[in-house]
Amino acid sequence: MLSLVAVSGAECVDALVVAGFTVRSRSDSATVLGQGVRVVVVPDVAMLTPDDLYALLRDAGIAYERLLDLLAETPTDVQRPAAARRPRAS
């Protein structure tokens, strides 16, 4: 078994959207995406387990290597919180 990158549910949803899936519904615990006859339910978790990630990729029909490419293509909006910014030296 390959060593997997840590992927959150939200990152997986973003990657699947880049792959052409559309969000069909959302709840507090999961997002349902679809593409044609394929339906994938992604749990809203901080990190997917390897078993969950493999099952999602199988259901989506996407190879792990393709997921890595999709993750690289997803837009990121990472900003450091104001409290974590270093003050400028005067």
PDB file of N, CA and C in Angstrom:
ATOM      1  N   MET A   1       0.848  -1.184   0.000  1.00  0.00           N
ATOM      2  CA  MET A   1       0.000   0.000   0.000  1.00  0.00           C
ATOM      3  C   MET A   1       0.894   1.248   0.000  1.00  0.00           C
ATOM      4  N   LEU A   2       0.515   2.218  -0.793  1.00  0.00           N
ATOM      5  CA  LEU A   2       1.268   3.465  -0.881  1.00  0.00           C
ATOM      6  C   LEU A   2       1.084   4.311   0.367  1.00  0.00           C
ATOM      7  N   SER A   3       2.067   5.134   0.651  1.00  0.00           N
ATOM      8  CA  SER A   3       1.915   6.139   1.687  1.00  0.00           C
ATOM      9  C   SER A   3       1.060   7.256   1.101  1.00  0.00           C
ATOM     10  N   LEU A   4       0.006   7.633   1.806  1.00  0.00           N
ATOM     11  CA  LEU A   4      -0.914   8.637   1.286  1.00  0.00           C
ATOM     12  C   LEU A   4      -0.637   9.998   1.887  1.00  0.00           C
ATOM     13  N   VAL A   5      -0.946  11.040   1.124  1.00  0.00           N
ATOM     14  CA  VAL A   5      -0.877  12.386   1.669  1.00  0.00           C
ATOM     15  C   VAL A   5      -2.103  12.596   2.547  1.00  0.00           C
ATOM     16  N   ALA A   6      -1.984  13.478   3.518  1.00  0.00           N
ATOM     17  CA  ALA A   6      -3.121  13.819   4.368  1.00  0.00           C
ATOM     18  C   ALA A   6      -4.065  14.703   3.570  1.00  0.00           C
ATOM     19  N   VAL A   7      -5.312  14.265   3.457  1.00  0.00           N
ATOM     20  CA  VAL A   7      -6.311  14.998   2.682  1.00  0.00           C
ATOM     21  C   VAL A   7      -7.546  15.176   3.553  1.00  0.00           C
ATOM     22  N   SER A   8      -7.992  16.421   3.675  1.00  0.00           N
ATOM     23  CA  SER A   8      -9.224  16.677   4.422  1.00  0.00           C
ATOM     24  C   SER A   8     -10.421  16.422   3.512  1.00  0.00           C
ATOM     25  N   GLY A   9     -11.580  16.330   4.113  1.00  0.00           N
ATOM     26  CA  GLY A   9     -12.796  16.175   3.324  1.00  0.00           C
ATOM     27  C   GLY A   9     -12.990  17.347   2.375  1.00  0.00           C
ATOM     28  N   ALA A  10     -12.743  18.553   2.865  1.00  0.00           N
ATOM     29  CA  ALA A  10     -12.919  19.756   2.040  1.00  0.00           C
ATOM     30  C   ALA A  10     -11.950  19.767   0.859  1.00  0.00           C
ATOM     31  N   GLU A  11     -10.701  19.353   1.078  1.00  0.00           N
ATOM     32  CA  GLU A  11      -9.725  19.295  -0.008  1.00  0.00           C
ATOM     33  C   GLU A  11     -10.143  18.255  -1.050  1.00  0.00           C
ATOM     34  N   CYS A  12     -10.677  17.141  -0.571  1.00  0.00           N
ATOM     35  CA  CYS A  12     -11.145  16.095  -1.491  1.00  0.00           C
ATOM     36  C   CYS A  12     -12.309  16.613  -2.331  1.00  0.00           C
ATOM     37  N   VAL A  13     -13.238  17.329  -1.708  1.00  0.00           N
ATOM     38  CA  VAL A  13     -14.370  17.907  -2.446  1.00  0.00           C
ATOM     39  C   VAL A  13     -13.854  18.866  -3.511  1.00  0.00           C
ATOM     40  N   ASP A  14     -12.922  19.744  -3.140  1.00  0.00           N
ATOM     41  CA  ASP A  14     -12.368  20.704  -4.099  1.00  0.00           C
ATOM     42  C   ASP A  14     -11.710  19.989  -5.282  1.00  0.00           C
ATOM     43  N   ALA A  15     -10.954  18.927  -4.992  1.00  0.00           N
ATOM     44  CA  ALA A  15     -10.284  18.184  -6.060  1.00  0.00           C
ATOM     45  C   ALA A  15     -11.300  17.508  -6.975  1.00  0.00           C
ATOM     46  N   LEU A  16     -12.361  16.962  -6.397  1.00  0.00           N
ATOM     47  CA  LEU A  16     -13.380  16.309  -7.218  1.00  0.00           C
ATOM     48  C   LEU A  16     -14.125  17.321  -8.090  1.00  0.00           C
ATOM     49  N   VAL A  17     -14.332  18.520  -7.586  1.00  0.00           N
ATOM     50  CA  VAL A  17     -14.964  19.570  -8.395  1.00  0.00           C
ATOM     51  C   VAL A  17     -14.063  19.922  -9.582  1.00  0.00           C
ATOM     52  N   VAL A  18     -12.761  20.025  -9.338  1.00  0.00           N
ATOM     53  CA  VAL A  18     -11.827  20.290 -10.436  1.00  0.00           C
ATOM     54  C   VAL A  18     -11.884  19.156 -11.459  1.00  0.00           C
ATOM     55  N   ALA A  19     -12.135  17.926 -10.993  1.00  0.00           N
ATOM     56  CA  ALA A  19     -12.220  16.767 -11.889  1.00  0.00           C
ATOM     57  C   ALA A  19     -13.528  16.707 -12.662  1.00  0.00           C
ATOM     58  N   GLY A  20     -14.453  17.629 -12.370  1.00  0.00           N
ATOM     59  CA  GLY A  20     -15.697  17.658 -13.125  1.00  0.00           C
ATOM     60  C   GLY A  20     -16.925  17.202 -12.361  1.00  0.00           C
ATOM     61  N   PHE A  21     -16.769  16.862 -11.102  1.00  0.00           N
ATOM     62  CA  PHE A  21     -17.916  16.501 -10.276  1.00  0.00           C
ATOM     63  C   PHE A  21     -18.644  17.772  -9.859  1.00  0.00           C
ATOM     64  N   THR A  22     -19.940  17.655  -9.611  1.00  0.00           N
ATOM     65  CA  THR A  22     -20.717  18.787  -9.118  1.00  0.00           C
ATOM     66  C   THR A  22     -21.277  18.437  -7.748  1.00  0.00           C
ATOM     67  N   VAL A  23     -21.387  19.452  -6.909  1.00  0.00           N
ATOM     68  CA  VAL A  23     -21.943  19.257  -5.576  1.00  0.00           C
ATOM     69  C   VAL A  23     -23.453  19.123  -5.717  1.00  0.00           C
ATOM     70  N   ARG A  24     -23.977  18.013  -5.245  1.00  0.00           N
ATOM     71  CA  ARG A  24     -25.420  17.772  -5.303  1.00  0.00           C
ATOM     72  C   ARG A  24     -26.105  18.183  -4.015  1.00  0.00           C
ATOM     73  N   SER A  25     -25.445  17.967  -2.891  1.00  0.00           N
ATOM     74  CA  SER A  25     -26.009  18.397  -1.601  1.00  0.00           C
ATOM     75  C   SER A  25     -24.910  18.439  -0.552  1.00  0.00           C
ATOM     76  N   ARG A  26     -25.191  19.186   0.503  1.00  0.00           N
ATOM     77  CA  ARG A  26     -24.265  19.298   1.636  1.00  0.00           C
ATOM     78  C   ARG A  26     -25.058  19.180   2.928  1.00  0.00           C
ATOM     79  N   SER A  27     -24.414  18.605   3.921  1.00  0.00           N
ATOM     80  CA  SER A  27     -24.971  18.583   5.268  1.00  0.00           C
ATOM     81  C   SER A  27     -23.838  18.940   6.220  1.00  0.00           C
ATOM     82  N   ASP A  28     -24.107  18.917   7.502  1.00  0.00           N
ATOM     83  CA  ASP A  28     -23.053  19.220   8.463  1.00  0.00           C
ATOM     84  C   ASP A  28     -21.967  18.152   8.481  1.00  0.00           C
ATOM     85  N   SER A  29     -22.297  16.942   8.019  1.00  0.00           N
ATOM     86  CA  SER A  29     -21.346  15.848   8.150  1.00  0.00           C
ATOM     87  C   SER A  29     -20.763  15.346   6.831  1.00  0.00           C
ATOM     88  N   ALA A  30     -21.344  15.740   5.684  1.00  0.00           N
ATOM     89  CA  ALA A  30     -20.848  15.201   4.413  1.00  0.00           C
ATOM     90  C   ALA A  30     -21.290  16.057   3.233  1.00  0.00           C
ATOM     91  N   THR A  31     -20.592  15.861   2.112  1.00  0.00           N
ATOM     92  CA  THR A  31     -20.947  16.486   0.838  1.00  0.00           C
ATOM     93  C   THR A  31     -21.164  15.380  -0.180  1.00  0.00           C
ATOM     94  N   VAL A  32     -22.247  15.474  -0.916  1.00  0.00           N
ATOM     95  CA  VAL A  32     -22.558  14.499  -1.964  1.00  0.00           C
ATOM     96  C   VAL A  32     -22.247  15.150  -3.310  1.00  0.00           C
ATOM     97  N   LEU A  33     -21.393  14.479  -4.089  1.00  0.00           N
ATOM     98  CA  LEU A  33     -21.015  14.971  -5.412  1.00  0.00           C
ATOM     99  C   LEU A  33     -21.413  13.938  -6.455  1.00  0.00           C
ATOM    100  N   GLY A  34     -21.622  14.414  -7.665  1.00  0.00           N
ATOM    101  CA  GLY A  34     -21.973  13.503  -8.736  1.00  0.00           C
ATOM    102  C   GLY A  34     -21.347  13.904 -10.048  1.00  0.00           C
ATOM    103  N   GLN A  35     -21.163  12.891 -10.896  1.00  0.00           N
ATOM    104  CA  GLN A  35     -20.682  13.095 -12.260  1.00  0.00           C
ATOM    105  C   GLN A  35     -21.273  11.956 -13.077  1.00  0.00           C
ATOM    106  N   GLY A  36     -22.260  12.273 -13.894  1.00  0.00           N
ATOM    107  CA  GLY A  36     -22.949  11.218 -14.634  1.00  0.00           C
ATOM    108  C   GLY A  36     -23.648  10.286 -13.667  1.00  0.00           C
ATOM    109  N   VAL A  37     -23.346   8.995 -13.768  1.00  0.00           N
ATOM    110  CA  VAL A  37     -23.969   8.021 -12.868  1.00  0.00           C
ATOM    111  C   VAL A  37     -23.164   7.802 -11.590  1.00  0.00           C
ATOM    112  N   ARG A  38     -21.989   8.397 -11.502  1.00  0.00           N
ATOM    113  CA  ARG A  38     -21.158   8.248 -10.297  1.00  0.00           C
ATOM    114  C   ARG A  38     -21.633   9.194  -9.202  1.00  0.00           C
ATOM    115  N   VAL A  39     -21.731   8.673  -8.000  1.00  0.00           N
ATOM    116  CA  VAL A  39     -22.075   9.471  -6.825  1.00  0.00           C
ATOM    117  C   VAL A  39     -21.035   9.180  -5.755  1.00  0.00           C
ATOM    118  N   VAL A  40     -20.499  10.243  -5.161  1.00  0.00           N
ATOM    119  CA  VAL A  40     -19.474  10.123  -4.134  1.00  0.00           C
ATOM    120  C   VAL A  40     -19.920  10.930  -2.919  1.00  0.00           C
ATOM    121  N   VAL A  41     -19.827  10.311  -1.749  1.00  0.00           N
ATOM    122  CA  VAL A  41     -20.171  10.993  -0.494  1.00  0.00           C
ATOM    123  C   VAL A  41     -18.868  11.201   0.268  1.00  0.00           C
ATOM    124  N   VAL A  42     -18.504  12.479   0.474  1.00  0.00           N
ATOM    125  CA  VAL A  42     -17.252  12.823   1.141  1.00  0.00           C
ATOM    126  C   VAL A  42     -17.570  13.326   2.545  1.00  0.00           C
ATOM    127  N   PRO A  43     -17.071  12.630   3.574  1.00  0.00           N
ATOM    128  CA  PRO A  43     -17.326  13.091   4.936  1.00  0.00           C
ATOM    129  C   PRO A  43     -16.591  14.404   5.218  1.00  0.00           C
ATOM    130  N   ASP A  44     -17.189  15.244   6.035  1.00  0.00           N
ATOM    131  CA  ASP A  44     -16.586  16.520   6.419  1.00  0.00           C
ATOM    132  C   ASP A  44     -15.695  16.281   7.636  1.00  0.00           C
ATOM    133  N   VAL A  45     -14.459  15.878   7.360  1.00  0.00           N
ATOM    134  CA  VAL A  45     -13.509  15.553   8.414  1.00  0.00           C
ATOM    135  C   VAL A  45     -12.197  16.286   8.159  1.00  0.00           C
ATOM    136  N   ALA A  46     -11.422  16.453   9.231  1.00  0.00           N
ATOM    137  CA  ALA A  46     -10.137  17.139   9.113  1.00  0.00           C
ATOM    138  C   ALA A  46      -9.133  16.322   8.311  1.00  0.00           C
ATOM    139  N   MET A  47      -9.214  14.974   8.393  1.00  0.00           N
ATOM    140  CA  MET A  47      -8.325  14.124   7.616  1.00  0.00           C
ATOM    141  C   MET A  47      -9.038  12.812   7.325  1.00  0.00           C
ATOM    142  N   LEU A  48      -9.104  12.469   6.042  1.00  0.00           N
ATOM    143  CA  LEU A  48      -9.697  11.205   5.638  1.00  0.00           C
ATOM    144  C   LEU A  48      -8.758  10.058   6.009  1.00  0.00           C
ATOM    145  N   THR A  49      -9.330   8.947   6.449  1.00  0.00           N
ATOM    146  CA  THR A  49      -8.509   7.766   6.715  1.00  0.00           C
ATOM    147  C   THR A  49      -8.071   7.184   5.379  1.00  0.00           C
ATOM    148  N   PRO A  50      -6.972   6.423   5.354  1.00  0.00           N
ATOM    149  CA  PRO A  50      -6.557   5.799   4.092  1.00  0.00           C
ATOM    150  C   PRO A  50      -7.667   4.943   3.479  1.00  0.00           C
ATOM    151  N   ASP A  51      -8.387   4.186   4.300  1.00  0.00           N
ATOM    152  CA  ASP A  51      -9.479   3.356   3.779  1.00  0.00           C
ATOM    153  C   ASP A  51     -10.575   4.210   3.147  1.00  0.00           C
ATOM    154  N   ASP A  52     -10.935   5.322   3.819  1.00  0.00           N
ATOM    155  CA  ASP A  52     -11.964   6.212   3.271  1.00  0.00           C
ATOM    156  C   ASP A  52     -11.496   6.839   1.967  1.00  0.00           C
ATOM    157  N   LEU A  53     -10.234   7.264   1.919  1.00  0.00           N
ATOM    158  CA  LEU A  53      -9.709   7.898   0.713  1.00  0.00           C
ATOM    159  C   LEU A  53      -9.699   6.910  -0.455  1.00  0.00           C
ATOM    160  N   TYR A  54      -9.241   5.679  -0.212  1.00  0.00           N
ATOM    161  CA  TYR A  54      -9.244   4.674  -1.279  1.00  0.00           C
ATOM    162  C   TYR A  54     -10.664   4.397  -1.760  1.00  0.00           C
ATOM    163  N   ALA A  55     -11.620   4.306  -0.835  1.00  0.00           N
ATOM    164  CA  ALA A  55     -13.019   4.046  -1.219  1.00  0.00           C
ATOM    165  C   ALA A  55     -13.576   5.202  -2.046  1.00  0.00           C
ATOM    166  N   LEU A  56     -13.272   6.440  -1.654  1.00  0.00           N
ATOM    167  CA  LEU A  56     -13.738   7.605  -2.405  1.00  0.00           C
ATOM    168  C   LEU A  56     -13.155   7.617  -3.813  1.00  0.00           C
ATOM    169  N   LEU A  57     -11.872   7.324  -3.929  1.00  0.00           N
ATOM    170  CA  LEU A  57     -11.227   7.308  -5.241  1.00  0.00           C
ATOM    171  C   LEU A  57     -11.812   6.209  -6.116  1.00  0.00           C
ATOM    172  N   ARG A  58     -12.076   5.048  -5.524  1.00  0.00           N
ATOM    173  CA  ARG A  58     -12.696   3.953  -6.277  1.00  0.00           C
ATOM    174  C   ARG A  58     -14.085   4.363  -6.769  1.00  0.00           C
ATOM    175  N   ASP A  59     -14.885   4.945  -5.864  1.00  0.00           N
ATOM    176  CA  ASP A  59     -16.235   5.371  -6.239  1.00  0.00           C
ATOM    177  C   ASP A  59     -16.214   6.454  -7.316  1.00  0.00           C
ATOM    178  N   ALA A  60     -15.199   7.334  -7.248  1.00  0.00           N
ATOM    179  CA  ALA A  60     -15.091   8.424  -8.217  1.00  0.00           C
ATOM    180  C   ALA A  60     -14.448   7.972  -9.525  1.00  0.00           C
ATOM    181  N   GLY A  61     -13.803   6.813  -9.512  1.00  0.00           N
ATOM    182  CA  GLY A  61     -13.116   6.344 -10.714  1.00  0.00           C
ATOM    183  C   GLY A  61     -11.852   7.128 -10.998  1.00  0.00           C
ATOM    184  N   ILE A  62     -11.182   7.545  -9.932  1.00  0.00           N
ATOM    185  CA  ILE A  62      -9.984   8.373 -10.067  1.00  0.00           C
ATOM    186  C   ILE A  62      -8.800   7.659  -9.424  1.00  0.00           C
ATOM    187  N   ALA A  63      -7.685   7.608 -10.137  1.00  0.00           N
ATOM    188  CA  ALA A  63      -6.460   7.010  -9.599  1.00  0.00           C
ATOM    189  C   ALA A  63      -5.837   7.961  -8.578  1.00  0.00           C
ATOM    190  N   TYR A  64      -5.092   7.397  -7.647  1.00  0.00           N
ATOM    191  CA  TYR A  64      -4.451   8.199  -6.601  1.00  0.00           C
ATOM    192  C   TYR A  64      -3.523   9.252  -7.219  1.00  0.00           C
ATOM    193  N   GLU A  65      -2.781   8.875  -8.243  1.00  0.00           N
ATOM    194  CA  GLU A  65      -1.869   9.820  -8.891  1.00  0.00           C
ATOM    195  C   GLU A  65      -2.640  10.996  -9.492  1.00  0.00           C
ATOM    196  N   ARG A  66      -3.825  10.720 -10.033  1.00  0.00           N
ATOM    197  CA  ARG A  66      -4.682  11.786 -10.583  1.00  0.00           C
ATOM    198  C   ARG A  66      -5.159  12.698  -9.462  1.00  0.00           C
ATOM    199  N   LEU A  67      -5.477  12.124  -8.292  1.00  0.00           N
ATOM    200  CA  LEU A  67      -5.879  12.943  -7.149  1.00  0.00           C
ATOM    201  C   LEU A  67      -4.776  13.921  -6.783  1.00  0.00           C
ATOM    202  N   LEU A  68      -3.541  13.457  -6.787  1.00  0.00           N
ATOM    203  CA  LEU A  68      -2.420  14.348  -6.464  1.00  0.00           C
ATOM    204  C   LEU A  68      -2.357  15.512  -7.452  1.00  0.00           C
ATOM    205  N   ASP A  69      -2.563  15.220  -8.735  1.00  0.00           N
ATOM    206  CA  ASP A  69      -2.588  16.280  -9.746  1.00  0.00           C
ATOM    207  C   ASP A  69      -3.745  17.255  -9.486  1.00  0.00           C
ATOM    208  N   LEU A  70      -4.911  16.704  -9.159  1.00  0.00           N
ATOM    209  CA  LEU A  70      -6.085  17.551  -8.899  1.00  0.00           C
ATOM    210  C   LEU A  70      -5.869  18.437  -7.684  1.00  0.00           C
ATOM    211  N   LEU A  71      -5.260  17.880  -6.640  1.00  0.00           N
ATOM    212  CA  LEU A  71      -4.977  18.677  -5.442  1.00  0.00           C
ATOM    213  C   LEU A  71      -4.040  19.838  -5.769  1.00  0.00           C
ATOM    214  N   ALA A  72      -3.092  19.596  -6.669  1.00  0.00           N
ATOM    215  CA  ALA A  72      -2.163  20.656  -7.078  1.00  0.00           C
ATOM    216  C   ALA A  72      -2.880  21.737  -7.884  1.00  0.00           C
ATOM    217  N   GLU A  73      -3.982  21.372  -8.555  1.00  0.00           N
ATOM    218  CA  GLU A  73      -4.728  22.324  -9.382  1.00  0.00           C
ATOM    219  C   GLU A  73      -5.782  23.108  -8.610  1.00  0.00           C
ATOM    220  N   THR A  74      -6.131  22.658  -7.413  1.00  0.00           N
ATOM    221  CA  THR A  74      -7.199  23.336  -6.672  1.00  0.00           C
ATOM    222  C   THR A  74      -6.700  24.676  -6.165  1.00  0.00           C
ATOM    223  N   PRO A  75      -7.565  25.688  -6.245  1.00  0.00           N
ATOM    224  CA  PRO A  75      -7.163  26.993  -5.727  1.00  0.00           C
ATOM    225  C   PRO A  75      -7.015  26.943  -4.215  1.00  0.00           C
ATOM    226  N   THR A  76      -6.043  27.659  -3.716  1.00  0.00           N
ATOM    227  CA  THR A  76      -5.860  27.723  -2.269  1.00  0.00           C
ATOM    228  C   THR A  76      -6.116  29.137  -1.793  1.00  0.00           C
ATOM    229  N   ASP A  77      -6.697  29.237  -0.646  1.00  0.00           N
ATOM    230  CA  ASP A  77      -6.970  30.534  -0.039  1.00  0.00           C
ATOM    231  C   ASP A  77      -6.445  30.510   1.391  1.00  0.00           C
ATOM    232  N   VAL A  78      -5.141  30.251   1.482  1.00  0.00           N
ATOM    233  CA  VAL A  78      -4.531  30.143   2.794  1.00  0.00           C
ATOM    234  C   VAL A  78      -4.013  31.507   3.206  1.00  0.00           C
ATOM    235  N   GLN A  79      -4.526  31.978   4.315  1.00  0.00           N
ATOM    236  CA  GLN A  79      -4.062  33.240   4.855  1.00  0.00           C
ATOM    237  C   GLN A  79      -3.724  33.033   6.314  1.00  0.00           C
ATOM    238  N   ARG A  80      -2.691  33.687   6.742  1.00  0.00           N
ATOM    239  CA  ARG A  80      -2.282  33.593   8.129  1.00  0.00           C
ATOM    240  C   ARG A  80      -3.214  34.467   8.966  1.00  0.00           C
ATOM    241  N   PRO A  81      -3.733  33.939  10.070  1.00  0.00           N
ATOM    242  CA  PRO A  81      -4.591  34.762  10.930  1.00  0.00           C
ATOM    243  C   PRO A  81      -3.840  35.993  11.426  1.00  0.00           C
ATOM    244  N   ALA A  82      -4.568  37.068  11.659  1.00  0.00           N
ATOM    245  CA  ALA A  82      -3.946  38.335  12.081  1.00  0.00           C
ATOM    246  C   ALA A  82      -3.100  38.149  13.327  1.00  0.00           C
ATOM    247  N   ALA A  83      -3.542  37.347  14.265  1.00  0.00           N
ATOM    248  CA  ALA A  83      -2.804  37.141  15.510  1.00  0.00           C
ATOM    249  C   ALA A  83      -1.477  36.430  15.268  1.00  0.00           C
ATOM    250  N   ALA A  84      -1.373  35.684  14.189  1.00  0.00           N
ATOM    251  CA  ALA A  84      -0.162  34.930  13.922  1.00  0.00           C
ATOM    252  C   ALA A  84       0.862  35.718  13.118  1.00  0.00           C
ATOM    253  N   ARG A  85       0.490  36.865  12.631  1.00  0.00           N
ATOM    254  CA  ARG A  85       1.433  37.685  11.849  1.00  0.00           C
ATOM    255  C   ARG A  85       2.471  38.304  12.767  1.00  0.00           C
ATOM    256  N   ARG A  86       3.670  38.360  12.261  1.00  0.00           N
ATOM    257  CA  ARG A  86       4.742  38.977  13.039  1.00  0.00           C
ATOM    258  C   ARG A  86       4.686  40.483  12.884  1.00  0.00           C
ATOM    259  N   PRO A  87       4.888  41.193  13.956  1.00  0.00           N
ATOM    260  CA  PRO A  87       4.903  42.656  13.851  1.00  0.00           C
ATOM    261  C   PRO A  87       6.153  43.102  13.098  1.00  0.00           C
ATOM    262  N   ARG A  88       6.014  44.185  12.364  1.00  0.00           N
ATOM    263  CA  ARG A  88       7.158  44.717  11.630  1.00  0.00           C
ATOM    264  C   ARG A  88       8.097  45.441  12.582  1.00  0.00           C
ATOM    265  N   ALA A  89       9.374  45.268  12.334  1.00  0.00           N
ATOM    266  CA  ALA A  89      10.376  45.966  13.140  1.00  0.00           C
ATOM    267  C   ALA A  89      10.464  47.392  12.659  1.00  0.00           C
ATOM    268  N   SER A  90      10.473  48.313  13.595  1.00  0.00           N
ATOM    269  CA  SER A  90      10.563  49.736  13.232  1.00  0.00           C
ATOM    270  C   SER A  90      11.941  50.257  13.294  1.00  0.00           C
TER     271      SER A  90
END
